[in-house]
C-alpha atoms as a PDB file:
ATOM      1  CA  MET A   1     -16.266  79.220 -28.059  1.00  0.00           C
ATOM      2  CA  ASN A   2     -17.734  82.528 -27.012  1.00  0.00           C
ATOM      3  CA  SER A   3     -21.083  82.964 -28.775  1.00  0.00           C
ATOM      4  CA  ARG A   4     -24.092  81.056 -30.002  1.00  0.00           C
ATOM      5  CA  ASN A   5     -22.499  81.128 -33.493  1.00  0.00           C
ATOM      6  CA  ASP A   6     -19.685  78.947 -32.135  1.00  0.00           C
ATOM      7  CA  ILE A   7     -21.999  76.130 -31.041  1.00  0.00           C
ATOM      8  CA  ASP A   8     -21.419  72.941 -33.016  1.00  0.00           C
ATOM      9  CA  PRO A   9     -24.899  71.760 -34.119  1.00  0.00           C
ATOM     10  CA  ARG A  10     -23.892  68.195 -33.217  1.00  0.00           C
ATOM     11  CA  GLU A  11     -23.683  69.367 -29.579  1.00  0.00           C
ATOM     12  CA  ILE A  12     -27.370  70.294 -29.509  1.00  0.00           C
ATOM     13  CA  LEU A  13     -30.265  67.932 -29.197  1.00  0.00           C
ATOM     14  CA  LEU A  14     -33.779  69.013 -30.260  1.00  0.00           C
ATOM     15  CA  SER A  15     -36.513  66.649 -29.168  1.00  0.00           C
ATOM     16  CA  GLY A  16     -40.274  66.906 -29.387  1.00  0.00           C
ATOM     17  CA  TRP A  17     -43.434  65.490 -27.919  1.00  0.00           C
ATOM     18  CA  ILE A  18     -47.097  66.251 -27.477  1.00  0.00           C
ATOM     19  CA  GLY A  19     -48.328  67.347 -24.070  1.00  0.00           C
ATOM     20  CA  GLU A  20     -51.651  68.503 -22.658  1.00  0.00           C
ATOM     21  CA  HIS A  21     -52.493  72.166 -22.175  1.00  0.00           C
ATOM     22  CA  PRO A  22     -52.934  72.627 -18.379  1.00  0.00           C
ATOM     23  CA  VAL A  23     -56.083  74.708 -18.754  1.00  0.00           C
ATOM     24  CA  THR A  24     -57.865  73.663 -21.941  1.00  0.00           C
ATOM     25  CA  GLY A  25     -56.671  70.054 -22.167  1.00  0.00           C
ATOM     26  CA  GLN A  26     -55.801  70.549 -25.836  1.00  0.00           C
ATOM     27  CA  ASP A  27     -52.758  68.893 -27.355  1.00  0.00           C
ATOM     28  CA  VAL A  28     -49.672  71.175 -27.227  1.00  0.00           C
ATOM     29  CA  ALA A  29     -46.607  70.559 -29.411  1.00  0.00           C
ATOM     30  CA  HIS A  30     -43.420  70.799 -27.295  1.00  0.00           C
ATOM     31  CA  LEU A  31     -39.787  71.087 -28.234  1.00  0.00           C
ATOM     32  CA  LEU A  32     -36.810  70.677 -25.890  1.00  0.00           C
ATOM     33  CA  LEU A  33     -33.464  72.157 -26.863  1.00  0.00           C
ATOM     34  CA  ALA A  34     -30.593  70.918 -24.702  1.00  0.00           C
ATOM     35  CA  PRO A  35     -26.863  70.246 -24.911  1.00  0.00           C
ATOM     36  CA  ALA A  36     -25.936  66.688 -25.875  1.00  0.00           C
ATOM     37  CA  THR A  37     -23.028  66.764 -23.398  1.00  0.00           C
ATOM     38  CA  GLY A  38     -21.626  69.144 -20.817  1.00  0.00           C
ATOM     39  CA  ALA A  39     -19.318  70.758 -23.371  1.00  0.00           C
ATOM     40  CA  ILE A  40     -21.619  73.716 -24.199  1.00  0.00           C
ATOM     41  CA  THR A  41     -23.733  74.191 -21.093  1.00  0.00           C
ATOM     42  CA  GLU A  42     -22.362  77.697 -20.539  1.00  0.00           C
ATOM     43  CA  LEU A  43     -23.487  78.779 -24.030  1.00  0.00           C
ATOM     44  CA  MET A  44     -27.089  77.604 -23.731  1.00  0.00           C
ATOM     45  CA  PRO A  45     -28.313  80.755 -21.931  1.00  0.00           C
ATOM     46  CA  LEU A  46     -26.988  82.781 -24.912  1.00  0.00           C
ATOM     47  CA  LEU A  47     -28.940  80.594 -27.279  1.00  0.00           C
ATOM     48  CA  ALA A  48     -32.053  80.838 -25.090  1.00  0.00           C
ATOM     49  CA  ASP A  49     -31.717  84.639 -25.164  1.00  0.00           C
ATOM     50  CA  ALA A  50     -31.330  84.648 -28.959  1.00  0.00           C
ATOM     51  CA  LEU A  51     -34.564  82.629 -29.154  1.00  0.00           C
ATOM     52  CA  GLY A  52     -36.425  85.136 -26.954  1.00  0.00           C
ATOM     53  CA  LEU A  53     -36.931  82.614 -24.134  1.00  0.00           C
ATOM     54  CA  GLN A  54     -37.201  83.624 -20.483  1.00  0.00           C
ATOM     55  CA  PRO A  55     -36.153  81.737 -17.345  1.00  0.00           C
ATOM     56  CA  ILE A  56     -39.070  79.721 -16.003  1.00  0.00           C
ATOM     57  CA  ALA A  57     -41.100  81.834 -13.599  1.00  0.00           C
ATOM     58  CA  GLY A  58     -44.791  81.236 -14.006  1.00  0.00           C
ATOM     59  CA  ALA A  59     -46.575  80.992 -17.357  1.00  0.00           C
ATOM     60  CA  PRO A  60     -44.297  81.026 -20.426  1.00  0.00           C
ATOM     61  CA  ALA A  61     -44.362  84.257 -22.450  1.00  0.00           C
ATOM     62  CA  GLN A  62     -45.224  84.567 -26.115  1.00  0.00           C
ATOM     63  CA  VAL A  63     -42.046  85.170 -28.114  1.00  0.00           C
ATOM     64  CA  ASP A  64     -42.215  87.990 -30.677  1.00  0.00           C
ATOM     65  CA  PRO A  65     -42.277  86.253 -34.075  1.00  0.00           C
ATOM     66  CA  ALA A  66     -39.666  88.741 -35.305  1.00  0.00           C
ATOM     67  CA  ILE A  67     -37.283  87.217 -32.750  1.00  0.00           C
ATOM     68  CA  ALA A  68     -38.146  83.534 -33.214  1.00  0.00           C
ATOM     69  CA  HIS A  69     -40.930  81.463 -34.720  1.00  0.00           C
ATOM     70  CA  VAL A  70     -41.647  77.986 -36.062  1.00  0.00           C
ATOM     71  CA  ALA A  71     -42.230  76.921 -39.661  1.00  0.00           C
ATOM     72  CA  LEU A  72     -43.594  73.509 -40.612  1.00  0.00           C
ATOM     73  CA  GLU A  73     -42.659  71.708 -43.812  1.00  0.00           C
ATOM     74  CA  GLY A  74     -45.747  69.618 -44.345  1.00  0.00           C
ATOM     75  CA  GLN A  75     -46.146  67.109 -41.561  1.00  0.00           C
ATOM     76  CA  SER A  76     -42.573  65.861 -41.550  1.00  0.00           C
ATOM     77  CA  THR A  77     -40.249  68.712 -40.481  1.00  0.00           C
ATOM     78  CA  VAL A  78     -40.230  71.619 -38.066  1.00  0.00           C
ATOM     79  CA  ARG A  79     -37.867  74.548 -38.336  1.00  0.00           C
ATOM     80  CA  VAL A  80     -37.212  76.922 -35.420  1.00  0.00           C
ATOM     81  CA  LEU A  81     -36.127  80.150 -37.114  1.00  0.00           C
ATOM     82  CA  TYR A  82     -34.459  82.903 -35.059  1.00  0.00           C
ATOM     83  CA  GLY A  83     -32.386  86.065 -35.457  1.00  0.00           C
ATOM     84  CA  THR A  84     -30.869  86.716 -38.854  1.00  0.00           C
ATOM     85  CA  GLY A  85     -30.460  83.192 -40.119  1.00  0.00           C
ATOM     86  CA  GLY A  86     -30.458  80.972 -37.041  1.00  0.00           C
ATOM     87  CA  GLU A  87     -32.228  77.689 -37.649  1.00  0.00           C
ATOM     88  CA  LEU A  88     -32.877  74.475 -35.764  1.00  0.00           C
ATOM     89  CA  VAL A  89     -34.443  71.559 -37.604  1.00  0.00           C
ATOM     90  CA  ARG A  90     -36.099  68.327 -36.502  1.00  0.00           C
ATOM     91  CA  PRO A  91     -38.333  65.619 -38.030  1.00  0.00           C
ATOM     92  CA  ILE A  92     -41.888  65.495 -36.653  1.00  0.00           C
ATOM     93  CA  THR A  93     -44.912  63.245 -36.824  1.00  0.00           C
ATOM     94  CA  PRO A  94     -48.252  64.173 -38.372  1.00  0.00           C
ATOM     95  CA  GLU A  95     -49.740  64.185 -34.876  1.00  0.00           C
ATOM     96  CA  TRP A  96     -47.151  66.684 -33.666  1.00  0.00           C
ATOM     97  CA  ALA A  97     -47.777  68.914 -36.701  1.00  0.00           C
ATOM     98  CA  SER A  98     -51.490  68.765 -36.065  1.00  0.00           C
ATOM     99  CA  ALA A  99     -51.028  69.901 -32.470  1.00  0.00           C
ATOM    100  CA  ALA A 100     -48.764  72.742 -33.535  1.00  0.00           C
ATOM    101  CA  LEU A 101     -51.234  73.867 -36.200  1.00  0.00           C
ATOM    102  CA  GLY A 102     -54.221  73.445 -33.889  1.00  0.00           C
ATOM    103  CA  LEU A 103     -53.005  76.125 -31.476  1.00  0.00           C
ATOM    104  CA  ARG A 104     -50.723  77.914 -34.002  1.00  0.00           C
ATOM    105  CA  MET A 105     -47.990  77.762 -31.402  1.00  0.00           C
ATOM    106  CA  VAL A 106     -45.243  75.537 -29.960  1.00  0.00           C
ATOM    107  CA  MET A 107     -43.893  75.443 -26.439  1.00  0.00           C
ATOM    108  CA  LEU A 108     -40.067  75.646 -26.641  1.00  0.00           C
ATOM    109  CA  THR A 109     -37.969  74.784 -23.581  1.00  0.00           C
ATOM    110  CA  CYS A 110     -34.218  75.317 -23.564  1.00  0.00           C
ATOM    111  CA  GLY A 111     -32.216  73.493 -20.939  1.00  0.00           C
ATOM    112  CA  THR A 112     -28.670  74.279 -19.853  1.00  0.00           C
ATOM    113  CA  GLN A 113     -27.944  70.809 -18.574  1.00  0.00           C
ATOM    114  CA  PRO A 114     -27.293  67.774 -20.826  1.00  0.00           C
ATOM    115  CA  ALA A 115     -30.378  66.303 -22.409  1.00  0.00           C
ATOM    116  CA  PRO A 116     -32.212  63.477 -20.668  1.00  0.00           C
ATOM    117  CA  LYS A 117     -32.327  59.930 -21.976  1.00  0.00           C
ATOM    118  CA  ASN A 118     -35.021  59.353 -24.535  1.00  0.00           C
ATOM    119  CA  THR A 119     -37.757  58.111 -22.151  1.00  0.00           C
ATOM    120  CA  GLN A 120     -40.847  59.888 -20.864  1.00  0.00           C
ATOM    121  CA  ALA A 121     -39.794  59.272 -17.251  1.00  0.00           C
ATOM    122  CA  ALA A 122     -36.350  60.794 -17.885  1.00  0.00           C
ATOM    123  CA  LEU A 123     -37.934  63.784 -19.650  1.00  0.00           C
ATOM    124  CA  ASP A 124     -40.417  64.355 -16.828  1.00  0.00           C
ATOM    125  CA  CYS A 125     -37.610  64.188 -14.258  1.00  0.00           C
ATOM    126  CA  TYR A 126     -35.437  66.592 -16.311  1.00  0.00           C
ATOM    127  CA  LEU A 127     -38.249  69.162 -16.670  1.00  0.00           C
ATOM    128  CA  ALA A 128     -39.142  68.918 -12.980  1.00  0.00           C
ATOM    129  CA  THR A 129     -35.635  69.077 -11.528  1.00  0.00           C
ATOM    130  CA  ALA A 130     -33.256  70.665 -14.061  1.00  0.00           C
ATOM    131  CA  LYS A 131     -31.808  74.016 -13.206  1.00  0.00           C
ATOM    132  CA  GLY A 132     -31.465  76.642 -15.870  1.00  0.00           C
ATOM    133  CA  LEU A 133     -34.603  76.051 -17.901  1.00  0.00           C
ATOM    134  CA  TYR A 134     -35.909  78.758 -20.259  1.00  0.00           C
ATOM    135  CA  MET A 135     -39.322  78.702 -21.966  1.00  0.00           C
ATOM    136  CA  GLY A 136     -41.422  80.522 -24.483  1.00  0.00           C
ATOM    137  CA  LEU A 137     -44.349  80.089 -26.819  1.00  0.00           C
ATOM    138  CA  LEU A 138     -43.356  80.306 -30.495  1.00  0.00           C
ATOM    139  CA  SER A 139     -45.878  81.200 -33.156  1.00  0.00           C
ATOM    140  CA  VAL A 140     -46.354  78.822 -36.057  1.00  0.00           C
ATOM    141  CA  MET A 141     -45.904  80.896 -39.203  1.00  0.00           C
ATOM    142  CA  SER A 142     -47.022  79.559 -42.583  1.00  0.00           C
END
């Protein structure tokens, strides 16, 4: 494996949740992209770069929609579209879709370490302590 095109989709986990905007208090739709195991950790920075994400250093930057953006299929599916045909897909809830549409953006975080267990405490710990996190704000395109 030597490029993002060589990443087996089964090795990537895409999870989502709703968080609170730190300034306005509005609901913010979040996505976390992380390797399922340690097998592809070295390729995750390449994927983060392809998605237009930046290493965490202050407020996350808005990603140019020509590089990457989000498309919703009703209130059941989100697609992260990037590059010339890259696509990540995940089911969502109506509440998540509403948060994404409310701000017309989604906060995408890409981690280089294996994904946390599926609990809020594990996620909070991962986001607070994981090295190699990249973030960006993706526009919701209709």
